[in-house]
């Protein structure tokens, strides 16, 4: 069955329906026409229109019945199986009813029917089903004071069809309205989805711009700039109203050393009083589980707050700080590079606040970690260069590096000094050592007093700027050579002395033998 109740029966349709039943009473010569329509939600038929009420006599009869029944006629409703007659009409049968009381059983109160019958002297009722689009939509009752002729019934059917057409148009309009409403909802949903997509694209574009800008700034960060302060500044921009801190990890002590913090404002001094130290200069040490959590490089909420991240902060102190600053949640992410922990970032949010831009923060922290690692590598390179300078440049041995073409690529200060020429005179030039003796690996060198000395030449294979090269070491052996010459002279003198003594000893032995012989002769 089709529903034609209040949600579709607007006032204009009701007026049209009333006009039809009023015309029906006049043209069919019946005192009363009653229309009931089906309500799908309640499952009841409701009296919706009453024709003939413009007749004062009919009005009196209806009011008498309503007075006895205690309610208005158009407030009545009934089910499809209220009685045998209604069942047949629902089964789409046209009935010509003469037993008024049986036909209205359970529909209307018997005293009300008796009062109406007293005034109207009802002879017969024609009950016609109203079928719309193949479904039961309602029924029309033509109450007659005479027997209904076939011609009368034909005219009644015409009015019933007119009501059917009205309801079909109403149904079509309702269907169109529903389709328009559905389409409108679909369009609104599509528009909302489009707006969400556009908003998401704008946010995505803003995030990409942020990451692109910060990536370029990180790569071009001046050597004197503080990368930790830069990290805090930009995460603060992403996180909004939050306290942001960044720390650097020391693998030897396994501690995190605070490098920068922002957002404490007026609470900085009270926090210092509670911690006994400036939080931007403190060292924090967590357990192994905390270190592994930071090594994931993921932004996570830390349930136990700072007591989880640092075993040195007592829970009581942390709870006091939380209440003082109105901290709701703590989020942490590790600054990691190739499985190494470089530091961490902490974000402390106020109560009832949600973390914003978490994916962007993660991406930015990854960028920052790469730059921190590069900065560490640069610092190590600088330290290596300084060590190289201290060891090589200040070495007492002259050092030269020759490429495969025997051209000088490097010479230290001692090399310049020993060879008596400036560095620019050597670089890029072929090196021909000034040999002191073409048969010996020695070269002539300049001494501090301007005289010529002797240097030894040692050559070993090495590498320079990723290519094969030779390392030449020149040692000043002038003093050693002089010492060797003096030593050789002393050795010669000692040898001559030993020989002289040996000759004397031989002469003494011969003389002793001669004396012994003479003594024996004398005896």
Protein backbone atom coordinates (compact mmCIF):
# COMPACT_ATOMS: atom_id res chain seq x y z
CA UNK A 1 0.00 0.00 0.00
CA UNK A 2 1.05 3.59 -0.67
CA UNK A 3 1.17 6.16 2.10
CA UNK A 4 -0.69 9.47 1.53
CA UNK A 5 -0.54 11.15 4.89
CA UNK A 6 0.64 14.41 6.39
CA UNK A 7 4.18 14.44 5.00
CA UNK A 8 2.87 14.45 1.41
CA UNK A 9 -0.65 15.86 1.84
CA UNK A 10 -0.02 19.60 1.77
CA UNK A 11 -2.78 22.12 2.14
CA UNK A 12 -3.15 22.66 -1.60
CA UNK A 13 -3.74 18.94 -2.21
CA UNK A 14 -6.22 18.78 0.64
CA UNK A 15 -8.18 21.66 -0.86
CA UNK A 16 -8.20 19.92 -4.25
CA UNK A 17 -9.39 16.69 -2.63
CA UNK A 18 -12.12 18.57 -0.77
CA UNK A 19 -13.25 20.20 -4.02
CA UNK A 20 -13.53 16.78 -5.69
CA UNK A 21 -15.68 15.30 -2.92
CA UNK A 22 -17.85 18.44 -2.82
CA UNK A 23 -18.42 18.13 -6.59
CA UNK A 24 -19.16 14.43 -6.15
CA UNK A 25 -21.94 15.09 -3.62
CA UNK A 26 -23.57 17.54 -6.03
CA UNK A 27 -23.23 15.57 -9.25
CA UNK A 28 -23.89 12.13 -7.77
CA UNK A 29 -26.87 13.47 -5.76
CA UNK A 30 -25.64 11.99 -2.49
CA UNK A 31 -25.66 13.79 0.84
CA UNK A 32 -22.23 12.60 1.95
CA UNK A 33 -18.89 11.41 0.47
CA UNK A 34 -16.15 10.13 2.80
CA UNK A 35 -12.52 9.51 1.73
CA UNK A 36 -10.00 7.50 3.80
CA UNK A 37 -6.32 7.18 2.84
CA UNK A 38 -3.69 4.67 3.95
CA UNK A 39 -0.79 5.59 6.27
CA UNK A 40 2.09 3.17 5.75
CA UNK A 41 3.89 4.06 8.95
CA UNK A 42 0.96 3.43 11.29
CA UNK A 43 -0.72 0.81 9.09
CA UNK A 44 -4.09 2.60 9.41
CA UNK A 45 -6.59 4.16 7.07
CA UNK A 46 -7.40 7.75 8.11
CA UNK A 47 -10.51 9.76 7.21
CA UNK A 48 -9.06 12.66 5.21
CA UNK A 49 -12.01 14.35 3.33
CA UNK A 50 -15.74 14.71 3.84
CA UNK A 51 -18.07 15.98 1.10
CA UNK A 52 -21.54 17.51 1.64
CA UNK A 53 -20.78 19.43 4.79
CA UNK A 54 -21.79 22.68 3.11
CA UNK A 55 -25.40 21.48 3.47
CA UNK A 56 -26.77 22.73 6.83
CA UNK A 57 -28.88 19.65 7.21
CA UNK A 58 -25.86 17.39 6.67
CA UNK A 59 -23.84 19.49 9.10
CA UNK A 60 -26.54 18.96 11.74
CA UNK A 61 -26.50 15.19 11.18
CA UNK A 62 -22.70 15.01 11.37
CA UNK A 63 -22.54 17.22 14.47
CA UNK A 64 -25.18 15.06 16.16
CA UNK A 65 -23.11 11.95 15.50
CA UNK A 66 -19.88 13.65 16.60
CA UNK A 67 -21.58 14.92 19.76
CA UNK A 68 -22.71 11.42 20.64
CA UNK A 69 -19.34 9.87 19.72
CA UNK A 70 -17.40 12.57 21.52
CA UNK A 71 -14.90 13.18 18.67
CA UNK A 72 -14.65 14.63 15.18
CA UNK A 73 -15.42 12.36 12.23
CA UNK A 74 -12.16 13.19 10.43
CA UNK A 75 -10.12 12.06 13.45
CA UNK A 76 -11.15 8.40 13.02
CA UNK A 77 -8.80 5.73 11.71
CA UNK A 78 -9.07 1.99 11.09
CA UNK A 79 -7.04 -1.02 10.01
CA UNK A 80 -7.36 -2.92 6.76
CA UNK A 81 -9.12 -5.80 8.53
CA UNK A 82 -11.41 -3.84 10.81
CA UNK A 83 -14.43 -5.76 9.43
CA UNK A 84 -15.41 -8.02 6.55
CA UNK A 85 -16.58 -5.16 4.34
CA UNK A 86 -13.32 -3.23 4.68
CA UNK A 87 -11.33 -6.39 3.95
CA UNK A 88 -13.14 -6.81 0.64
CA UNK A 89 -12.56 -3.19 -0.31
CA UNK A 90 -8.83 -3.57 0.50
CA UNK A 91 -8.92 -6.57 -1.83
CA UNK A 92 -10.02 -4.03 -4.48
CA UNK A 93 -13.70 -4.95 -4.62
CA UNK A 94 -16.42 -2.38 -5.17
CA UNK A 95 -19.22 -2.93 -2.67
CA UNK A 96 -22.83 -1.81 -2.71
CA UNK A 97 -23.73 -1.87 0.98
CA UNK A 98 -27.25 -1.78 2.32
CA UNK A 99 -26.57 -3.06 5.86
CA UNK A 100 -25.32 0.23 7.23
CA UNK A 101 -24.69 -0.99 10.76
CA UNK A 102 -22.69 -4.06 9.71
CA UNK A 103 -20.64 -2.04 7.25
CA UNK A 104 -19.70 0.53 9.92
CA UNK A 105 -19.03 -2.03 12.65
CA UNK A 106 -15.78 -1.19 14.52
CA UNK A 107 -15.41 1.86 12.29
CA UNK A 108 -17.70 4.33 14.07
CA UNK A 109 -19.64 4.16 17.34
CA UNK A 110 -23.11 2.61 16.88
CA UNK A 111 -24.95 5.55 18.58
CA UNK A 112 -23.26 7.97 16.18
CA UNK A 113 -24.41 5.87 13.20
CA UNK A 114 -27.92 5.71 14.61
CA UNK A 115 -28.01 9.51 14.98
CA UNK A 116 -26.74 10.00 11.42
CA UNK A 117 -29.25 7.45 10.15
CA UNK A 118 -32.04 9.29 11.95
CA UNK A 119 -31.27 12.48 10.05
CA UNK A 120 -30.04 11.11 6.71
CA UNK A 121 -32.17 8.00 6.20
CA UNK A 122 -29.22 6.24 4.45
CA UNK A 123 -30.42 3.67 1.89
CA UNK A 124 -27.21 2.43 0.37
CA UNK A 125 -23.41 3.00 0.47
CA UNK A 126 -21.12 2.51 -2.54
CA UNK A 127 -17.55 1.76 -1.35
CA UNK A 128 -14.87 1.97 -4.03
CA UNK A 129 -11.16 1.12 -3.70
CA UNK A 130 -8.64 3.76 -4.78
CA UNK A 131 -5.63 2.08 -6.40
CA UNK A 132 -2.52 4.08 -7.29
CA UNK A 133 0.30 2.52 -9.33
CA UNK A 134 -1.05 -0.94 -8.61
CA UNK A 135 -1.14 -0.44 -4.85
CA UNK A 136 -4.01 0.15 -2.45
CA UNK A 137 -4.03 3.83 -1.49
CA UNK A 138 -7.45 4.39 0.04
CA UNK A 139 -11.18 4.05 -0.35
CA UNK A 140 -14.15 6.27 -1.22
CA UNK A 141 -17.58 5.92 0.37
CA UNK A 142 -20.62 7.42 -1.37
CA UNK A 143 -23.50 7.55 1.13
CA UNK A 144 -26.85 7.63 -0.70
CA UNK A 145 -30.43 8.14 0.44
CA UNK A 146 -31.65 6.05 -2.51
CA UNK A 147 -30.65 3.00 -4.38
CA UNK A 148 -27.57 3.56 -6.50
CA UNK A 149 -28.09 2.94 -10.17
CA UNK A 150 -25.42 1.71 -12.61
CA UNK A 151 -25.31 5.21 -14.03
CA UNK A 152 -24.73 6.59 -10.52
CA UNK A 153 -21.96 4.02 -9.96
CA UNK A 154 -20.31 4.96 -13.22
CA UNK A 155 -20.24 8.59 -12.17
CA UNK A 156 -18.90 7.62 -8.72
CA UNK A 157 -16.11 5.62 -10.40
CA UNK A 158 -15.26 8.71 -12.43
CA UNK A 159 -14.84 10.73 -9.22
CA UNK A 160 -12.84 7.91 -7.67
CA UNK A 161 -10.57 7.98 -10.73
CA UNK A 162 -10.22 11.73 -10.39
CA UNK A 163 -9.07 11.19 -6.81
CA UNK A 164 -6.70 8.48 -8.06
CA UNK A 165 -5.20 10.87 -10.61
CA UNK A 166 -4.80 13.52 -7.91
CA UNK A 167 -2.98 11.02 -5.72
CA UNK A 168 -0.85 9.80 -8.63
CA UNK A 169 0.18 13.38 -9.35
CA UNK A 170 0.83 13.86 -5.66
CA UNK A 171 2.91 10.69 -5.62
CA UNK A 172 4.82 11.78 -8.71
CA UNK A 173 5.45 15.20 -7.23
CA UNK A 174 6.47 13.59 -3.97
CA UNK A 175 8.79 11.19 -5.82
CA UNK A 176 10.28 14.08 -7.75
CA UNK A 177 10.69 16.02 -4.53
CA UNK A 178 12.37 13.01 -2.94
CA UNK A 179 14.64 12.61 -5.95
CA UNK A 180 15.41 16.32 -5.91
CA UNK A 181 16.05 16.09 -2.17
CA UNK A 182 18.21 13.00 -2.64
CA UNK A 183 20.07 14.65 -5.51
CA UNK A 184 20.44 17.78 -3.43
CA UNK A 185 21.84 15.72 -0.58
CA UNK A 186 24.15 13.93 -3.01
CA UNK A 187 25.31 17.24 -4.44
CA UNK A 188 25.75 18.64 -0.94
CA UNK A 189 27.71 15.53 0.02
CA UNK A 190 29.78 15.83 -3.17
CA UNK A 191 30.34 19.51 -2.51
CA UNK A 192 31.29 18.79 1.09
CA UNK A 193 33.65 16.04 -0.09
CA UNK A 194 35.07 18.43 -2.67
CA UNK A 195 35.53 21.09 -0.01
CA UNK A 196 37.20 18.54 2.26
CA UNK A 197 39.41 17.42 -0.62
CA UNK A 198 40.23 21.01 -1.49
CA UNK A 199 40.94 21.75 2.15
CA UNK A 200 43.12 18.64 2.38
CA UNK A 201 44.94 19.67 -0.79
CA UNK A 202 45.52 23.14 0.61
CA UNK A 203 46.81 21.67 3.84
CA UNK A 204 48.97 19.26 1.86
CA UNK A 205 50.29 22.14 -0.23
CA UNK A 206 51.03 24.15 2.90
CA UNK A 207 52.82 21.16 4.41
CA UNK A 208 54.87 20.63 1.25
CA UNK A 209 55.76 24.31 1.16
CA UNK A 210 56.79 24.18 4.80
CA UNK A 211 58.92 21.07 4.27
CA UNK A 212 60.43 22.49 1.08
CA UNK A 213 61.25 25.80 2.74
CA UNK A 214 62.71 24.25 5.87
CA UNK A 215 64.68 21.69 3.86
CA UNK A 216 66.35 24.49 1.91
CA UNK A 217 66.94 26.52 5.05
CA UNK A 218 68.41 23.52 6.88
CA UNK A 219 70.78 22.77 4.01
CA UNK A 220 71.89 26.41 3.86
CA UNK A 221 71.98 26.97 7.61
CA UNK A 222 75.00 29.18 8.38
CA UNK A 223 77.82 27.55 10.33
CA UNK A 224 77.32 29.98 13.20
CA UNK A 225 73.54 29.31 13.40
CA UNK A 226 72.12 27.09 16.14
CA UNK A 227 70.36 24.14 14.44
CA UNK A 228 68.63 23.12 17.69
CA UNK A 229 67.03 26.54 18.12
CA UNK A 230 65.90 26.37 14.48
CA UNK A 231 64.28 22.96 15.07
CA UNK A 232 62.43 24.20 18.16
CA UNK A 233 61.21 27.36 16.40
CA UNK A 234 59.68 25.47 13.47
CA UNK A 235 58.10 22.66 15.53
CA UNK A 236 56.60 25.31 17.80
CA UNK A 237 55.06 26.82 14.67
CA UNK A 238 53.53 23.44 13.76
CA UNK A 239 52.41 22.35 17.23
CA UNK A 240 50.78 25.64 18.22
CA UNK A 241 50.31 26.35 21.93
CA UNK A 242 52.90 23.94 23.26
CA UNK A 243 56.23 23.75 25.03
CA UNK A 244 58.88 22.39 22.67
CA UNK A 245 62.35 21.23 23.59
CA UNK A 246 65.18 19.51 21.74
CA UNK A 247 68.14 17.59 23.17
CA UNK A 248 71.34 16.09 21.78
CA UNK A 249 72.28 12.47 22.53
CA UNK A 250 75.73 11.55 23.81
CA UNK A 251 76.40 7.84 23.14
CA UNK A 252 79.25 7.65 25.65
CA UNK A 253 77.23 8.82 28.67
CA UNK A 254 73.91 7.68 27.10
CA UNK A 255 72.42 10.99 28.20
CA UNK A 256 70.32 13.54 26.37
CA UNK A 257 71.64 17.07 26.81
CA UNK A 258 69.07 19.84 26.40
CA UNK A 259 70.06 22.32 23.70
CA UNK A 260 67.00 24.55 23.22
CA UNK A 261 63.50 25.02 24.68
CA UNK A 262 60.61 27.37 23.90
CA UNK A 263 57.17 28.03 25.36
CA UNK A 264 57.85 28.10 29.11
CA UNK A 265 57.54 31.88 29.32
CA UNK A 266 56.78 33.03 32.86
CA UNK A 267 57.01 29.47 34.17
CA UNK A 268 60.75 29.14 33.45
CA UNK A 269 61.92 30.31 36.87
CA UNK A 270 59.38 28.23 38.86
CA UNK A 271 60.40 25.16 36.84
CA UNK A 272 64.07 25.91 37.54
CA UNK A 273 63.24 26.11 41.24
CA UNK A 274 61.46 22.74 41.14
CA UNK A 275 64.11 20.95 39.08
CA UNK A 276 67.05 22.67 40.72
CA UNK A 277 68.47 23.41 37.26
CA UNK A 278 67.68 25.20 34.02
CA UNK A 279 65.68 22.73 31.87
CA UNK A 280 67.39 24.10 28.74
CA UNK A 281 70.79 23.06 30.12
CA UNK A 282 69.98 19.81 31.87
CA UNK A 283 71.07 16.28 31.08
CA UNK A 284 68.35 13.63 30.87
CA UNK A 285 68.92 9.92 31.06
CA UNK A 286 66.22 7.41 30.19
CA UNK A 287 66.24 3.64 30.27
CA UNK A 288 66.91 1.28 27.36
CA UNK A 289 63.19 1.04 26.53
CA UNK A 290 63.07 4.82 26.12
CA UNK A 291 66.12 4.76 23.86
CA UNK A 292 64.55 2.07 21.68
CA UNK A 293 61.32 4.06 21.52
CA UNK A 294 63.22 7.13 20.29
CA UNK A 295 65.18 5.05 17.77
CA UNK A 296 61.94 4.29 15.89
CA UNK A 297 61.85 7.90 14.70
CA UNK A 298 58.07 7.95 15.29
CA UNK A 299 56.12 10.64 17.10
CA UNK A 300 54.56 8.93 20.13
CA UNK A 301 52.68 10.00 23.22
CA UNK A 302 54.62 9.27 26.41
CA UNK A 303 52.15 8.19 29.07
CA UNK A 304 54.42 8.77 32.07
CA UNK A 305 55.73 12.07 30.73
CA UNK A 306 59.16 13.24 31.78
CA UNK A 307 59.52 10.50 34.42
CA UNK A 308 59.64 8.04 31.51
CA UNK A 309 62.17 10.11 29.57
CA UNK A 310 64.42 10.85 32.53
CA UNK A 311 64.96 8.61 35.53
CA UNK A 312 66.36 11.62 37.42
CA UNK A 313 63.03 13.49 37.60
CA UNK A 314 60.92 12.19 40.53
CA UNK A 315 57.20 11.62 39.82
CA UNK A 316 56.23 14.08 42.54
CA UNK A 317 58.27 16.86 40.94
CA UNK A 318 56.89 16.05 37.49
CA UNK A 319 53.27 16.07 38.74
CA UNK A 320 53.86 19.45 40.37
CA UNK A 321 55.24 20.85 37.12
CA UNK A 322 52.29 19.37 35.17
CA UNK A 323 49.77 21.08 37.42
CA UNK A 324 51.72 24.33 37.42
CA UNK A 325 51.99 24.61 33.63
CA UNK A 326 48.68 22.82 32.88
CA UNK A 327 50.34 20.06 30.85
CA UNK A 328 47.96 17.50 29.40
CA UNK A 329 50.13 15.21 27.29
CA UNK A 330 53.78 14.71 26.36
CA UNK A 331 54.87 13.64 22.88
CA UNK A 332 58.39 12.59 21.90
CA UNK A 333 60.24 11.72 18.71
CA UNK A 334 63.84 10.69 18.20
CA UNK A 335 66.26 12.45 15.89
CA UNK A 336 67.71 9.39 14.15
CA UNK A 337 70.02 8.72 11.23
CA UNK A 338 70.89 5.26 9.88
CA UNK A 339 69.92 3.55 13.13
CA UNK A 340 71.80 6.03 15.33
CA UNK A 341 70.16 8.25 17.94
CA UNK A 342 71.25 11.86 17.56
CA UNK A 343 68.78 13.46 19.96
CA UNK A 344 65.08 13.91 20.63
CA UNK A 345 62.26 16.42 20.40
CA UNK A 346 59.68 16.86 23.17
CA UNK A 347 56.26 18.49 22.73
CA UNK A 348 54.27 19.28 25.89
CA UNK A 349 50.62 20.11 25.13
CA UNK A 350 48.11 21.87 27.39
CA UNK A 351 45.18 19.91 28.81
CA UNK A 352 42.41 19.12 26.29
CA UNK A 353 44.69 20.11 23.39
CA UNK A 354 45.34 17.80 20.44
CA UNK A 355 48.62 17.51 18.61
CA UNK A 356 48.45 19.17 15.19
CA UNK A 357 50.41 18.35 12.04
CA UNK A 358 51.93 15.14 13.42
CA UNK A 359 52.93 13.79 9.94
CA UNK A 360 54.61 17.10 9.06
CA UNK A 361 56.46 17.15 12.39
CA UNK A 362 57.76 13.62 11.73
CA UNK A 363 58.92 14.57 8.21
CA UNK A 364 60.56 17.77 9.46
CA UNK A 365 62.37 15.93 12.26
CA UNK A 366 63.74 13.44 9.72
CA UNK A 367 65.05 16.36 7.65
CA UNK A 368 66.56 17.95 10.73
CA UNK A 369 68.24 14.67 11.73
CA UNK A 370 70.02 14.51 8.36
CA UNK A 371 71.29 18.07 8.83
CA UNK A 372 72.42 17.36 12.39
CA UNK A 373 74.33 14.32 11.17
CA UNK A 374 75.91 16.44 8.44
CA UNK A 375 76.85 19.05 11.02
CA UNK A 376 78.44 16.36 13.16
CA UNK A 377 80.33 15.07 10.12
CA UNK A 378 81.49 18.59 9.30
CA UNK A 379 82.62 19.10 12.88
CA UNK A 380 84.48 15.78 12.73
CA UNK A 381 86.04 16.85 9.43
CA UNK A 382 87.12 20.16 10.90
CA UNK A 383 88.54 18.35 13.92
CA UNK A 384 90.32 15.94 11.57
CA UNK A 385 91.74 18.83 9.59
CA UNK A 386 92.93 20.48 12.76
CA UNK A 387 94.51 17.22 13.86
CA UNK A 388 96.07 16.87 10.40
CA UNK A 389 97.45 20.38 10.68
CA UNK A 390 98.81 19.80 14.16
CA UNK A 391 100.41 16.49 13.22
CA UNK A 392 101.50 17.04 9.62
CA UNK A 393 101.86 20.76 9.21
CA UNK A 394 103.86 21.10 12.40
CA UNK A 395 105.87 17.92 11.89
CA UNK A 396 109.74 18.27 12.14
CA UNK A 397 109.93 16.05 9.05
CA UNK A 398 109.41 17.56 5.63
CA UNK A 399 106.47 15.94 3.85
CA UNK A 400 105.46 16.10 0.21
CA UNK A 401 102.67 14.36 -1.71
CA UNK A 402 103.25 13.62 -5.40
CA UNK A 403 100.57 12.50 -7.83
CA UNK A 404 101.10 9.85 -10.48
CA UNK A 405 102.73 12.47 -12.71
CA UNK A 406 105.26 13.32 -9.96
CA UNK A 407 103.67 16.73 -9.46
CA UNK A 408 103.49 18.18 -5.97
CA UNK A 409 99.99 18.22 -4.47
CA UNK A 410 100.97 19.02 -0.89
CA UNK A 411 104.02 20.18 1.03
CA UNK A 412 104.19 21.04 4.71
CA UNK A 413 106.02 23.93 6.35
CA UNK A 414 109.05 21.81 7.24
CA UNK A 415 109.30 20.70 3.63
CA UNK A 416 109.36 24.33 2.50
CA UNK A 417 112.04 25.08 5.06
CA UNK A 418 114.30 22.13 4.21
CA UNK A 419 114.03 22.66 0.47
CA UNK A 420 114.46 26.42 0.74
CA UNK A 421 111.51 27.43 -1.37
CA UNK A 422 107.90 28.65 -0.80
CA UNK A 423 104.89 26.36 -1.07
CA UNK A 424 103.49 28.03 -4.18
CA UNK A 425 106.76 27.28 -5.95
CA UNK A 426 106.12 23.55 -5.50
CA UNK A 427 102.37 23.02 -5.91
CA UNK A 428 101.51 21.64 -9.34
CA UNK A 429 105.21 21.41 -10.34
CA UNK A 430 107.36 18.36 -10.99
CA UNK A 431 109.52 17.48 -8.01
CA UNK A 432 113.19 16.83 -8.68
CA UNK A 433 115.02 16.18 -5.41
CA UNK A 434 118.43 17.97 -5.11
CA UNK A 435 120.56 14.85 -4.52
CA UNK A 436 123.70 15.37 -2.47
CA UNK A 437 125.17 12.19 -3.94
CA UNK A 438 123.56 10.54 -6.90
CA UNK A 439 124.47 7.13 -5.47
CA UNK A 440 122.90 7.76 -2.04
CA UNK A 441 119.23 8.45 -1.01
CA UNK A 442 120.28 11.79 0.42
CA UNK A 443 119.48 15.32 -0.68
CA UNK A 444 120.93 18.72 0.02
CA UNK A 445 118.82 20.78 2.40
CA UNK A 446 118.90 24.28 3.80
CA UNK A 447 119.75 24.73 7.45
CA UNK A 448 118.52 27.51 9.74
CA UNK A 449 121.91 29.26 9.51
CA UNK A 450 121.71 29.29 5.71
CA UNK A 451 124.29 26.59 5.21
CA UNK A 452 123.68 23.38 3.31
CA UNK A 453 122.82 20.27 5.22
CA UNK A 454 122.03 16.65 4.48
CA UNK A 455 118.56 15.11 4.41
CA UNK A 456 117.40 11.53 3.90
CA UNK A 457 114.69 10.75 1.41
CA UNK A 458 112.03 8.07 2.11
CA UNK A 459 109.22 7.28 -0.34
CA UNK A 460 106.08 5.27 0.42
CA UNK A 461 102.88 4.61 -1.55
CA UNK A 462 99.77 6.46 -0.29
CA UNK A 463 96.48 7.95 -1.51
CA UNK A 464 95.49 11.58 -2.01
CA UNK A 465 91.99 12.81 -2.82
CA UNK A 466 90.93 9.31 -3.84
CA UNK A 467 93.88 8.69 -6.18
CA UNK A 468 97.17 6.84 -5.93
CA UNK A 469 100.08 9.03 -4.80
CA UNK A 470 103.55 8.99 -3.20
CA UNK A 471 104.46 10.37 0.19
CA UNK A 472 108.01 11.68 0.44
CA UNK A 473 109.51 12.18 3.88
CA UNK A 474 112.63 14.38 4.20
CA UNK A 475 114.53 14.16 7.47
CA UNK A 476 117.34 16.51 8.48
CA UNK A 477 120.28 14.19 9.27
CA UNK A 478 122.99 16.85 9.14
CA UNK A 479 123.76 16.59 12.84
CA UNK A 480 123.73 12.85 12.65
CA UNK A 481 126.11 12.89 9.64
CA UNK A 482 128.42 15.24 11.46
CA UNK A 483 128.29 13.03 14.51
CA UNK A 484 129.03 10.00 12.38
CA UNK A 485 132.07 11.79 10.81
CA UNK A 486 133.35 12.80 14.22
CA UNK A 487 132.79 9.30 15.51
CA UNK A 488 134.67 7.78 12.58
CA UNK A 489 137.58 10.17 13.27
CA UNK A 490 137.71 9.17 16.94
CA UNK A 491 137.53 5.51 16.01
CA UNK A 492 140.52 5.99 13.64
CA UNK A 493 142.48 7.74 16.30
CA UNK A 494 141.66 4.96 18.77
CA UNK A 495 142.68 2.32 16.26
CA UNK A 496 146.01 4.12 15.66
CA UNK A 497 146.57 4.40 19.39
CA UNK A 498 145.83 0.73 19.87
CA UNK A 499 148.30 -0.16 17.17
CA UNK A 500 150.96 1.99 18.77
CA UNK A 501 150.41 0.38 22.13
CA UNK A 502 150.50 -3.04 20.55
CA UNK A 503 154.00 -2.24 19.03
CA UNK A 504 155.28 -1.03 22.36
CA UNK A 505 154.07 -4.17 24.08
CA UNK A 506 155.98 -6.29 21.55
CA UNK A 507 159.19 -4.25 22.12
CA UNK A 508 158.78 -4.53 25.91
CA UNK A 509 158.42 -8.29 25.66
CA UNK A 510 161.59 -8.52 23.54
CA UNK A 511 163.46 -6.26 25.96
CA UNK A 512 162.37 -8.34 28.95
CA UNK A 513 163.65 -11.45 27.23
CA UNK A 514 167.04 -9.77 26.56
CA UNK A 515 167.33 -8.66 30.17
CA UNK A 516 166.52 -12.15 31.36
CA UNK A 517 169.20 -13.58 29.06
CA UNK A 518 171.84 -11.10 30.31
CA UNK A 519 170.91 -11.84 33.93
CA UNK A 520 171.44 -15.51 33.37
CA UNK A 521 174.89 -14.86 31.74
CA UNK A 522 175.91 -12.72 34.61
CA UNK A 523 175.19 -15.46 37.04
